[in-house]
Amino acid sequence: MSAEAFRPPKKSLLDRLPVSSHIRRSVGLQRTMLLIGVVLCAVFLVAAIFAPLLAPYGFAQISDDGGTFPAQAAPGGKHPWGTTVGGYDVLSRVIWGSQTAATVIVVAVIMAIFLGVFLGLVSGYFGGWLDRVLVVVADAIYAFPTLLLAIVVSIAINKGQSGFWGGILACGFAITAVFVPQYFRVIRAEAIRLKAEPFVESAQVVGASSARIIGRHIFGNATRTLPLIFTLNASEAILTLAGLGFLGFGIEPSSAAEWGFDLNKAMSDASSGIWWTGVFPGAAIVLTVLGLTLVGESMNDLNDPRLRGRRRAGSKTKGKDIKNQTEVSA
């Protein structure tokens, strides 16, 4: 028999992609939760990418050919979700706010991933005094509250003046500083484990350089859990940006749309019965964070072999019970 007969079938691209492979492996309620999370995340991404096409007005537009927009107008007519106290269209602000949130995720989480992975690989592979110093620094940074650090960094970067890139960078650097220890710990633990594997020791024996071993043998195996951590940290990034905006350290409405800032301005409207200025931005935050959390938690469950084993065992037991009941009734 040829060697090709013993080779496992090659997986398709859909089976290798993180979210797609998890959907194929999920069953029952787990699949339902994962699909709901994927749909919510897809809506968020579509709104962020196609905001200029989907939003009826600009994020800072207060007038059109028909004149100035009315302040605090009820939903209906030209403004399906109403207007704010400043005359901004709520629907447009919510759609444009998704673009701001997506930018924060890209700037903050991606930057944290690159820095955390690099430090984790170096610390875990080389060890020694460098590893001890990086571990102490990571633990010290991890002790800072995310929102408090974001406020301090926001003031240090833009002196409280919340322009678009100033607010994005302030939140991005704060989230990077807080999230780097998480990526560092995960990658460092994997690097330490992989360093003792036979294939790494074989590469060291044949004289492969440290850079080649880290890049070719350790990096790919140590970063398999990054999609899971990314989804969980992306929701935290959105909440941090909303917290900055709600406390007055976010982005001014003339620079970009931001959900937290709109919630801050809607607080005084709630006592007057004007609900639409706060409900829709708040719902956008809740649904986006919910979607990212459902995807992340579902991926975490499916990556745990113990949970997968329980689900499969439960499915087999249920199938046997149904089969036995059928045989008895027959």
Foldseek 3Di string as FASTA:
>chain_A
DDPVVVDDDDDDPLCPDQLSVLLVLDDDPLNVLLVLLVVLQVVLVVLQVCLVPPAPDALQDQADPVGGADALAPADDPQNLGHHNVRGRLRSLLSQQSNLLVLLLCLAVVLLLVLLLVLLLVCQQPPDPSVVVVLVQLVVLLPDDLLVQLLVQLCVQPVLAAASVSQSVSLRVSSSSNCSSVSNVQLSVQNNVQCPDPVNVVCVVVPHDPVCCSVPPRSVVSCPCVVLVSLLSSLVSLVSQLVCLLVSSHHDSVRTRHLNVQLNSCPVVVVVVSPSSNPSSVVSSVSNSSSSVSNNVSSVQSVDVVNSVVVVVVVVVVVVVVVVVVVVVD
